[in-house]
Amino acid sequence: MEGKFQYPIEQRLWFACVLTMIAGSLDAYSFLFHGGVFAGLQTGNLILLGIHLGQHSLDAVIRHTLSILAFIIGTIVIRSVQLRFLIRLKPDESPQQTFLRNKRQQQLHLIVLAYEITMIILSIFLDMLGNTEIAAMFLSMAVAGELEEFRKVRGQTFTPLTMTSDLRALAEAVFDESVSHATTARQNAIQTFALMFCFIAGATLVGYTQTELSNKTILIPLVILTILALFLLVNYVKYFKKKHDF
């Protein structure tokens, strides 16, 4: 069982599940309201780009190309922030340096969540103006930021959108658990299933509410993301207030 303080908040399973649900809902929303373009699932965009190239559908080719380019730009933006913001671990660093490095890491998490929220709000605004292609680009930049910064759950690397590898990992974990009855295999199976379920749940939520809310369904992942960011902010303020004396 995962200990309460074994992992930082941003690496706990429930946190990864919420992020995965947000990623699934943004992909579903973008696909439904932005001409079949995925916000984060760039494998899907590449496949559809190839299909539309073969069909000589220029408008669709442009839409998918813009989403792919926006995803690349979003990744570069967050990567540049990471490189400028983080303090590298030193073998002989003092407790003060460790504290500062951890604090900068937590601040970076909040910056990336704020960036993602901003991109979604800009996308909503552009949708209202009728610029759906550019709105889709901002959603891709939002998801790219999330995927670049939050890549670990329980100390292991995870990517919310790699469902093929997740299915493979789930099958392996179920088989390993049935053969060896290893606790780690069981935990991996539960973790992978939970992440896949949340991804589907995010897409289902958008699909279920689109009839009544139409393109206002984007507010659902936005509200969830904002609550998550506020929760993280409150917890970090409490933690660093408690630890400010070395």
Protein backbone atom coordinates (compact mmCIF):
# COMPACT_ATOMS: atom_id res chain seq x y z
CA MET A 1 0.00 0.00 0.00
CA GLU A 2 1.20 3.44 -0.85
CA GLY A 3 2.32 5.28 2.24
CA LYS A 4 0.79 8.66 2.89
CA PHE A 5 4.08 10.49 2.58
CA GLN A 6 6.01 7.98 0.48
CA TYR A 7 5.70 10.12 -2.64
CA PRO A 8 5.18 13.85 -3.20
CA ILE A 9 1.65 14.83 -4.12
CA GLU A 10 2.41 15.24 -7.82
CA GLN A 11 3.62 11.60 -7.99
CA ARG A 12 0.70 10.00 -6.18
CA LEU A 13 -1.72 7.83 -8.11
CA TRP A 14 -4.79 9.98 -7.51
CA PHE A 15 -2.97 13.05 -8.85
CA ALA A 16 -1.89 11.17 -11.98
CA CYS A 17 -5.47 9.92 -12.41
CA VAL A 18 -6.84 13.46 -12.34
CA LEU A 19 -4.25 14.64 -14.89
CA THR A 20 -5.05 11.64 -17.09
CA MET A 21 -8.77 12.41 -16.90
CA ILE A 22 -8.05 16.00 -17.93
CA ALA A 23 -5.92 14.81 -20.85
CA GLY A 24 -8.67 12.43 -21.98
CA SER A 25 -11.35 15.10 -21.77
CA LEU A 26 -9.25 17.65 -23.68
CA ASP A 27 -8.55 15.13 -26.43
CA ALA A 28 -12.24 14.21 -26.68
CA TYR A 29 -13.30 17.87 -26.70
CA SER A 30 -10.77 18.81 -29.37
CA PHE A 31 -11.78 15.85 -31.54
CA LEU A 32 -15.49 16.65 -31.29
CA PHE A 33 -15.35 20.43 -31.67
CA HIS A 34 -12.18 21.08 -33.65
CA GLY A 35 -12.67 19.00 -36.74
CA GLY A 36 -11.36 15.64 -35.58
CA VAL A 37 -8.06 17.02 -34.27
CA PHE A 38 -6.58 15.55 -31.08
CA ALA A 39 -5.15 17.99 -28.54
CA GLY A 40 -2.54 15.62 -27.18
CA LEU A 41 -2.79 12.27 -28.96
CA GLN A 42 -0.30 13.14 -31.67
CA THR A 43 -0.08 9.55 -32.94
CA GLY A 44 -3.72 9.92 -33.92
CA ASN A 45 -3.02 13.27 -35.57
CA LEU A 46 -0.14 11.78 -37.56
CA ILE A 47 -2.31 8.89 -38.75
CA LEU A 48 -5.15 11.23 -39.74
CA LEU A 49 -2.67 13.58 -41.39
CA GLY A 50 -1.47 10.73 -43.58
CA ILE A 51 -5.03 9.69 -44.43
CA HIS A 52 -6.05 13.23 -45.39
CA LEU A 53 -2.90 13.65 -47.44
CA GLY A 54 -3.91 10.58 -49.39
CA GLN A 55 -7.43 11.97 -49.79
CA HIS A 56 -6.11 15.40 -50.88
CA SER A 57 -8.11 17.06 -48.09
CA LEU A 58 -6.10 20.25 -47.64
CA ASP A 59 -8.19 21.77 -44.83
CA ALA A 60 -7.87 18.66 -42.68
CA VAL A 61 -4.14 18.41 -43.43
CA ILE A 62 -3.67 21.99 -42.21
CA ARG A 63 -5.67 21.37 -39.02
CA HIS A 64 -3.65 18.32 -38.02
CA THR A 65 -0.34 19.90 -39.00
CA LEU A 66 -1.07 22.96 -36.87
CA SER A 67 -1.91 20.76 -33.86
CA ILE A 68 1.32 18.80 -34.25
CA LEU A 69 3.38 21.99 -34.53
CA ALA A 70 1.60 23.51 -31.52
CA PHE A 71 2.36 20.42 -29.46
CA ILE A 72 6.04 20.73 -30.36
CA ILE A 73 6.02 24.43 -29.46
CA GLY A 74 4.31 23.75 -26.13
CA THR A 75 6.89 21.12 -25.26
CA ILE A 76 9.76 23.47 -26.12
CA VAL A 77 8.23 26.28 -24.05
CA ILE A 78 7.92 24.15 -20.91
CA ARG A 79 11.29 22.53 -21.48
CA SER A 80 12.96 25.93 -21.65
CA VAL A 81 11.22 26.95 -18.42
CA GLN A 82 12.39 23.74 -16.75
CA LEU A 83 16.01 24.28 -17.75
CA ARG A 84 16.01 27.87 -16.51
CA PHE A 85 14.07 27.21 -13.33
CA LEU A 86 15.45 24.03 -11.84
CA ILE A 87 18.47 23.72 -9.61
CA ARG A 88 20.47 20.58 -10.35
CA LEU A 89 21.14 18.09 -7.59
CA LYS A 90 24.67 18.30 -6.13
CA PRO A 91 26.29 15.38 -4.24
CA ASP A 92 27.51 17.63 -1.42
CA GLU A 93 24.65 20.12 -1.26
CA SER A 94 23.65 21.55 2.09
CA PRO A 95 20.17 21.20 3.67
CA GLN A 96 19.50 24.81 2.64
CA GLN A 97 20.33 24.00 -0.99
CA THR A 98 18.14 20.89 -0.89
CA PHE A 99 15.27 22.92 0.50
CA LEU A 100 15.68 25.58 -2.18
CA ARG A 101 15.86 22.99 -4.95
CA ASN A 102 12.68 21.27 -3.73
CA LYS A 103 10.94 24.61 -3.41
CA ARG A 104 11.86 25.56 -6.98
CA GLN A 105 10.57 22.18 -8.17
CA GLN A 106 7.21 22.71 -6.50
CA GLN A 107 6.98 26.25 -7.85
CA LEU A 108 7.64 24.87 -11.33
CA HIS A 109 4.71 22.46 -10.97
CA LEU A 110 2.42 25.37 -10.17
CA ILE A 111 3.79 27.42 -13.07
CA VAL A 112 3.07 24.60 -15.51
CA LEU A 113 -0.47 24.14 -14.19
CA ALA A 114 -1.02 27.90 -14.48
CA TYR A 115 0.35 27.74 -18.04
CA GLU A 116 -2.07 24.93 -18.91
CA ILE A 117 -5.02 26.80 -17.44
CA THR A 118 -4.02 29.94 -19.38
CA MET A 119 -3.77 28.01 -22.66
CA ILE A 120 -7.24 26.53 -22.15
CA ILE A 121 -8.75 29.96 -21.36
CA LEU A 122 -7.12 31.43 -24.48
CA SER A 123 -8.53 28.52 -26.49
CA ILE A 124 -12.02 29.24 -25.16
CA PHE A 125 -11.67 32.92 -26.05
CA LEU A 126 -10.51 32.11 -29.59
CA ASP A 127 -13.39 29.66 -30.00
CA MET A 128 -15.79 32.45 -29.13
CA LEU A 129 -14.19 34.54 -31.89
CA GLY A 130 -14.56 31.71 -34.37
CA ASN A 131 -10.82 30.94 -34.70
CA THR A 132 -11.23 27.20 -34.16
CA GLU A 133 -7.92 26.17 -35.76
CA ILE A 134 -5.90 28.49 -33.51
CA ALA A 135 -8.04 27.46 -30.52
CA ALA A 136 -7.10 23.84 -31.18
CA MET A 137 -3.43 24.83 -31.25
CA PHE A 138 -3.65 26.35 -27.77
CA LEU A 139 -5.23 23.14 -26.47
CA SER A 140 -2.33 21.16 -27.93
CA MET A 141 0.12 23.51 -26.24
CA ALA A 142 -1.75 23.02 -22.95
CA VAL A 143 -1.57 19.23 -23.09
CA ALA A 144 2.09 19.36 -24.17
CA GLY A 145 2.93 21.35 -21.05
CA GLU A 146 1.19 18.84 -18.81
CA LEU A 147 2.90 15.86 -20.43
CA GLU A 148 6.34 17.48 -20.28
CA GLU A 149 6.22 18.36 -16.58
CA PHE A 150 4.20 15.58 -14.93
CA ARG A 151 5.77 12.32 -16.02
CA LYS A 152 6.02 10.21 -12.89
CA VAL A 153 3.59 8.28 -10.72
CA ARG A 154 4.89 6.46 -7.64
CA GLY A 155 8.42 7.05 -8.88
CA GLN A 156 7.75 5.44 -12.27
CA THR A 157 7.53 7.17 -15.62
CA PHE A 158 4.03 7.44 -17.07
CA THR A 159 2.45 9.19 -20.04
CA PRO A 160 -1.35 9.62 -19.97
CA LEU A 161 -1.75 9.32 -23.75
CA THR A 162 0.26 6.17 -24.52
CA MET A 163 -2.70 3.81 -24.26
CA THR A 164 -1.10 1.14 -26.48
CA SER A 165 1.90 0.79 -24.18
CA ASP A 166 -0.42 1.00 -21.17
CA LEU A 167 -2.48 -1.91 -22.51
CA ARG A 168 0.72 -3.88 -22.99
CA ALA A 169 1.88 -2.99 -19.47
CA LEU A 170 -1.52 -4.00 -18.05
CA ALA A 171 -1.42 -7.38 -19.80
CA GLU A 172 2.13 -7.99 -18.59
CA ALA A 173 1.28 -7.01 -15.01
CA VAL A 174 -1.83 -9.23 -14.91
CA PHE A 175 0.14 -12.17 -16.30
CA ASP A 176 3.09 -11.63 -13.94
CA GLU A 177 0.77 -11.37 -10.95
CA SER A 178 -1.07 -14.57 -11.90
CA VAL A 179 2.21 -16.47 -12.30
CA SER A 180 4.36 -15.09 -9.49
CA HIS A 181 1.73 -13.43 -7.26
CA ALA A 182 4.20 -10.58 -6.85
CA THR A 183 2.94 -7.55 -4.96
CA THR A 184 4.68 -5.19 -7.38
CA ALA A 185 2.92 -6.83 -10.35
CA ARG A 186 -0.44 -6.44 -8.64
CA GLN A 187 0.28 -2.79 -7.85
CA ASN A 188 1.37 -2.14 -11.45
CA ALA A 189 -1.81 -3.75 -12.77
CA ILE A 190 -4.03 -1.66 -10.49
CA GLN A 191 -2.10 1.52 -11.31
CA THR A 192 -2.23 0.99 -15.07
CA PHE A 193 -5.91 0.07 -15.00
CA ALA A 194 -6.72 3.14 -12.91
CA LEU A 195 -4.92 5.47 -15.34
CA MET A 196 -6.62 3.91 -18.37
CA PHE A 197 -10.01 4.08 -16.68
CA CYS A 198 -9.55 7.76 -15.86
CA PHE A 199 -8.50 8.55 -19.44
CA ILE A 200 -11.68 6.88 -20.72
CA ALA A 201 -13.71 8.59 -17.98
CA GLY A 202 -12.49 12.02 -19.11
CA ALA A 203 -13.50 11.30 -22.71
CA THR A 204 -16.81 9.82 -21.56
CA LEU A 205 -17.61 12.92 -19.51
CA VAL A 206 -17.16 15.16 -22.55
CA GLY A 207 -19.12 12.80 -24.80
CA TYR A 208 -21.96 12.57 -22.27
CA THR A 209 -22.30 16.32 -21.73
CA GLN A 210 -21.72 17.57 -25.29
CA THR A 211 -25.43 17.37 -26.20
CA GLU A 212 -26.49 19.71 -23.41
CA LEU A 213 -23.39 21.87 -23.03
CA SER A 214 -22.04 21.85 -26.60
CA ASN A 215 -18.60 23.49 -26.68
CA LYS A 216 -19.04 24.64 -23.07
CA THR A 217 -17.90 21.13 -22.08
CA ILE A 218 -14.37 22.58 -22.13
CA LEU A 219 -15.27 24.20 -18.82
CA ILE A 220 -15.31 20.76 -17.15
CA PRO A 221 -11.56 19.99 -17.51
CA LEU A 222 -10.80 23.67 -16.88
CA VAL A 223 -12.62 23.63 -13.52
CA ILE A 224 -11.03 20.31 -12.52
CA LEU A 225 -7.57 21.60 -13.44
CA THR A 226 -8.10 24.85 -11.52
CA ILE A 227 -9.22 22.97 -8.39
CA LEU A 228 -6.17 20.71 -8.69
CA ALA A 229 -3.84 23.71 -9.01
CA LEU A 230 -5.41 25.43 -6.00
CA PHE A 231 -5.13 22.24 -3.95
CA LEU A 232 -1.47 21.92 -4.87
CA LEU A 233 -0.85 25.59 -4.03
CA VAL A 234 -2.43 25.29 -0.57
CA ASN A 235 -0.47 22.15 0.24
CA TYR A 236 2.84 23.61 -0.90
CA VAL A 237 2.29 26.80 1.09
CA LYS A 238 1.58 24.74 4.22
CA TYR A 239 4.59 22.50 3.63
CA PHE A 240 7.14 25.25 3.02
CA LYS A 241 5.76 27.38 5.82
CA LYS A 242 6.41 24.45 8.14
CA LYS A 243 9.89 23.84 6.71
CA HIS A 244 11.17 27.41 6.35
CA ASP A 245 13.52 27.01 9.33
CA PHE A 246 16.52 24.84 8.44
